[in-house]
C-alpha cells in the first residue's frame, strides 16, 4: 500500500508515535512455556511407567515359571492337581476380566449385535488359541526345565512372521529380509529344541516336545486379526470397534476361552495319572505359596498391560513400552542365573552343589520358592549332557532374536496423543502366561485409520477451527483478554505437523449501533456504541504488543506487517476484517438489532449458518452441481463429510481468556474420538470479592466431581458456551441446528431455549447420538458476577433452564439411550437420582437449619423446624409480590443471617463430636467423609488446592445458594430478560433547538420517516454554529430502545451511515479502508435474515399472552417443586414426632473402639436413606474423578513438550496476504467457481 497518499490522519499518527511510545501490555499476553518442573515431572512419570512395565512383567513371568515348575513331577508339591488348577486359573483370569469389562460396557453403552457368522468364526479361532495356551502351559511346560520354559514363550510368533513375509513379498527385497530371518530363527530354535530333548536318553519327552511346538503354532492364532489386517482383509464386516460394538464378541470369546481351558485342565489331571481327590491333600504351606503366586501373577499381569497402554498413550512407545517388554525375558533369565549362582557360590562347582542340594521344604516361603528354581536347574545339569544343554541354550537365543525381529515394527509405530486402545491393539485381551510377548504381538502392525465412508468417522485431515465469540456489553479489560487469546493463538505453532490447524476468528457484536437525534435533513445518523469503540481500542493495544519488535525500543510503535484492514457495510450492520500479525484472519461482525435479531442464541445461529452453511456446505454444493456422473458426485459427498468432521467451531464469550494448549487439548478429543460432538474444558471464574470466591469453589466442585463423573459414567450434559469446541458434522446433523434455530413460541420454550442456550444445544446433540466430553487440562478463564444482584440474576436464568433440559433428557431417556452409545439406562438412573437430590435441596437445607437451631440453641424439635421453615415460606410470598430488586435485597439480608447460623452450627458440630467423645455419628461421619473427599480431590488438583480456603465460605453460604437462590430462580422464571451486563437506556436529551420549533409533524410510510418542522428564522452564523454543535453531540448519542418495529429487509434510507468514519478516526495504527461486501454474500444474508433472523416485531397482544403463559408455567412448576419439598419436610417431621418407634438405633462408639451399651443415637429412616443416597452419589463421583484424573494426567504428559512458540517473523507483505485471501475459498467463496469437481482435494 505504498501508493496511498499522505493524509492528515497519517501525519497525526506519525507525529503521535514520536512522543507516545507507551504501551498497555496485558498481563495475559505472556507466552505459554512449559516449565522446567513440568518437564522434569513428565520425564519422571514416563521413566516410572517404563520401570513399572518391566517390573510388573518380570514378576508376572517369574511367578508363572514358579507355578509351572512346582507342578513338575520332580518337585515337592504335595498336590500336583492343585498346582495345575492354579495354572488354569492364571490362564482364564484375563478372560474373566475381559468378560467383566465387556459386560460393563454392554450395560452402560448401547452395543449393536454382530453377525452370527462373525460370532462363529471368532469362537472357533479363540477356541484354537485357548487350546494352544492350555496345551503349552498346562501339559507341555511342566516337563521342561525353568530356563527352557522361559525361552519357549518367545516362540509363539510363527504365523505373525509367516504373514509378514507374505505381506512384504511385493515390497523391496530389503523389507522382506527381517521377517524371513525371524521365521528362519524360529524354525532353527524348534529344531535345536527338539534335538536337545529327543537325543537325551534319560528323558522320554517326544510327545511333550511335539505338543509344545504344535501349541506355539496354535497360540500364534490368538492375534489373527492383526494377521488379517496385513492381508488387507477383515473378519468383522459389520462391526465398528470405535463404538464398542465388539462387546458381544468379547463376551462370547471370553466364555469360549474359559470353557476350553477348563476342559484341558479337567482332562489332563486324570490323564497324567492324578486324581481330583488329591486337591484335598494340599499342604497348608503349599497352599499359601500357590495362592500368593496366583495373586502376584494376576495383579502384575494386569498392571503390566495397563501401564503398557498408558506408555503408548503418553507417546512413550519406544522407551516405555517396546524396550521394557523386550527386556523382560533377558532380565528374568539373568535373575534366575543370579539366584542359582548366589546359592551355589559356597561350593567348588555346580555339580557338587546339585548333589548336595537339600530337597526338603522349609518353613520359609521364599526359601521354598528359591529351592524350586535351584531344583529345576540342577535337574537339567545332572541329567543332560553338555552338548544338549548348549543346543537348548542356542534354541532359546534363536527364539528370542526371532521374536525381536518379528516385533520390530513396534519401534516405528506412529502413535497419536491419547490414541484409542482399539486403534493401538487388535484385541482387548492380554495373555497372562506370556504377558510381554502378547502385548507386543497385540500391537497393530498398522494403526487403523477410521473409514471415511462411515458416518461418524473422523479422518486425519487438516483441522479448520472457527473461533466465534459473542459480545455485548463487555468492558475494555474483558475485551483485552479475548483479543490477547486470539493473538496468542495466531502466534502459536506446534512442532508436530499433525497438530497444525487453520483457524479464523469471528466476533459477533450484539446491539452495536446507536442513533443520533434527527437532523434538519430528515435523516438519522447511525454510530457504533461505546463498547465497539472499546473493542477497537483494545485491538489497537494488543496489536501493538504482538506485532512490535520488543527488542528494539524505537520500533515498538512501528508495527511491522500489514496495517491496512477492511471495513464494510452489510445487510446485518457492518463488518471489520483484520489480518493478524501471522496471517490469520479476525472478523468483527457489528449487528444492528433493527436489521437482524439480537441476543446470544441468535448470534450463534447467525455464525453457524454463515460458517457451516455458506462457507462450508455451499462450495461442495456448487461442485456437486458441476459433477457429470454419480461417481464424481459421490466423491464430492465423501469430501464434504470429511471436511465436516474436521471442521470445528469454538464457542467463546467476549471475556474468555485461554492458551493455545487449551484449544489443542480439546481438538485432541475430537480428532481421536469420532463420536464426540463437543468437548469443554475447565472453566475458572475470575474477579475479586466474596461472590467470586464463592463461585471459585462452586465451579471447582462442579468440575472436580460432577463433570468428571459425567464424563466417566456417561457423558457431559452441558458444555459451557464460554469455551466449548463443537464438531461441524454434529451441529449440521439432523434435529440439531435446525431445531436450535427454532423461535420460542411457548412459555416453556422461553425457559429452555433462550435462558440456557448452551445446555439446550448439548441436549440436542445428546438426543441425536453425539457424545460430549470434558477435558480437565484445558483451562479457560472468564469473568464471574461480582455483585450479589448480578449473581442472582445469572442463576435465575441457569436454574430453570438446567431443570427444563434435564427433564427433557430424562423424559426421552429410553429413546436417547438407544440412539446414544454413551447414555445407558443406568446412567439415566444416575442422573435421575442426582436430579432428585437437587430438587430436594431446599427441604434438605431447611432440615439442616432446623437441626442447627436444635443443636445450637437447644430448642424443641417442633419449634426448630417451625423456625427453619418460616423464613423460606415468607420469602416465597415476598418473591410472588415484590419487585426483583426487593427480593434480592431481602435474600442478601437472609444470607447474612444464615451465614452466622451456619458458622455457629459448624463449630457446634465439632464441639459436639469432642463432647460426645465419638465421631461415629451419622452427622460426624458424614462431615468427616465429605471433608476427606474434598481434601483428597483438591490434592489431585495441585494447582487448585488453594481453592479449599474458599470452601469455608461456600459452606456458610449453602442456605443462600441452595435455598434462597432456588426460591428466587423458580418464582422469577417468568422473567426472561438476560439479567447480566444490562445497562439502562438513558433518556434522550432534549435539543435546545426544539424550543425554536413552532410546528412538528412526523409521518411514516414504509421505510421513510418524514418529519416536517417549521423553524424560526436564523442567520447563517447561527445555523453554522448549530450544525457544528449537532455534529459534536452526535458522538455522545444514546442507545435506542430494545424493541423496534422496523423489519430486517427494509432499506435504511432514512439514515446517514457515519459509523465507518467514526471507526476510521478511532483506529490509529490500523488503517480501515472501506470496501464493499462481496456480491455473492448479499443474497445469502438477505435470505438467512428473512428465514431465521428477522427482528421480532412488537406484538403487544402476543407479549401479553406469553407473559400470562409464563406466569402460569411459573405457578405450576413452583407448586409441584415446593409441594415435593414440603412433603419431604412433613414426612421427616412426623417421623421425629413418632420418636424411637420407627427410628434406627445406633450404639455409641468411643474413640478407643469401645461400644457403649447404654448410650444410643436415634436416626430417622427417611433421613438416613437420603443421607446414604447422597453419600453414594458423592462416592460414585469421587471414583469417577479418580479415573478421570488418571487419564487427564496421561493426556497432559502426552501433550507436554509438543509445543513451541513461533519465532517472531516479519509479517508478509500486503499484496501476498491479499493474494492468499483471494484464492482462499473460506474467505472468497467466488473462488469456488474455478475449482473443478475432480480437484476437490485441493480446495
Foldseek 3Di string as FASTA:
>chain_A
DVPDDDDPLNVVLVVCLVPDLDFDDDPQLDFDDQDPVNVVVLVVVLVVLQVLLLVLLQLLQLLLLLLLLCLAPPAPFQFNLLSLVLNLCQFLLLLVVLLVVLVLLVFQFPADAADPQLLVVLLVLLLLLLLLVLLQSRPQSSHAFSLLNLLLLLLLQQLLLVLQLVLCVPPDPVSNVLSVLLNVLSVLLLVLLQCLQVVQPVDDCNVSSVSNVVSSPSNNSVQVQLSQVSVVHGSGPPHDVLLSNCSVSSNSSSVSSSVSSVVSSVVVQVVVVHDPVSSVVGDPLSVVLSVVSSVSNSVSLVSSVVSLLLCLLLVNQVSRHQVSLLCNSVVSVVVLVVLLCVQCVVDPDLLVCLVPQDSDDDPDSVVSSSSSSSPSVSVCVVRGDPVSVVSSVSSSVSSSSSSCSSLVLSNVADGDNSFDPVQQFVDPGAGSNRSSSRNSSRGRSHRDADDLPDQLHAGLDAFEEEEEAEEEQDALQLLLQVLSQVLQLLQWDFPDPSLDHAYAYEYEYFQQKFWADADPVLFIAIAGDVVVLSNLVSNQSSLLCSQFDPVDSSGSNVGFFAQAWAKEAALQGIKTWDQGQNGHIYMYHYGNCLFWPDDDLRSVLVVLCCQLPVQQVVLLVVQLVQDDDVVLNVVSVSVSSNNLLRYKYWFAYSRKHFHNVLVSLQSVVSNNRSQAFKEAEQEAADDDDLVNLLVRVVSVCCVLFVQLLCQQSFADQFHDRRTMMGRRCLCVDPQQSVVLLDDDQALLCLLQNRLGPRNNNSLSSLQQAGGYHYFHVNYMYGHDDRDLQLNLLNVLNVVSNVVSSLVVCLVCLVNSSNRHRRGRVVVSVLSVLVVVCLLLLQLVVLQVQLVLCCQQVVDDSVVSSCVSVVVLVVLLVCLQPDDSVVSSVVLVVVLVVLLVSQVSSVVSVVVVCVVLQHQPDLVSVLVVVVVVLVQVSLVLVVVCVVSVVSVSVNRSRSCSVRHSSVSNSLSPNLDSDNSPSDDDFDDFDDDPQVVQWPDWDWDDDQLRIGMDTDGDDDDPVVVVVVVVVSVVCRVVGTRDDDADQNKNPGDNPSYDHCHVVVSCSSNSRRHHDYDYDPPVCRVVVVVCSVPRIINDGDDPVSVVVNSVSNNVVSVVVVVVSVVVNVVLNVVVVVLVVVPPPQWDWAFGAHPVGDTDPPDTDTHHPVVVVSSVSVVVSSVSSSVSSVVSSVVSVSSVSSCPPRIDGDDDDRRDHPVVSVVVLCCDCSNPVVNSVVDHSVRVVVD
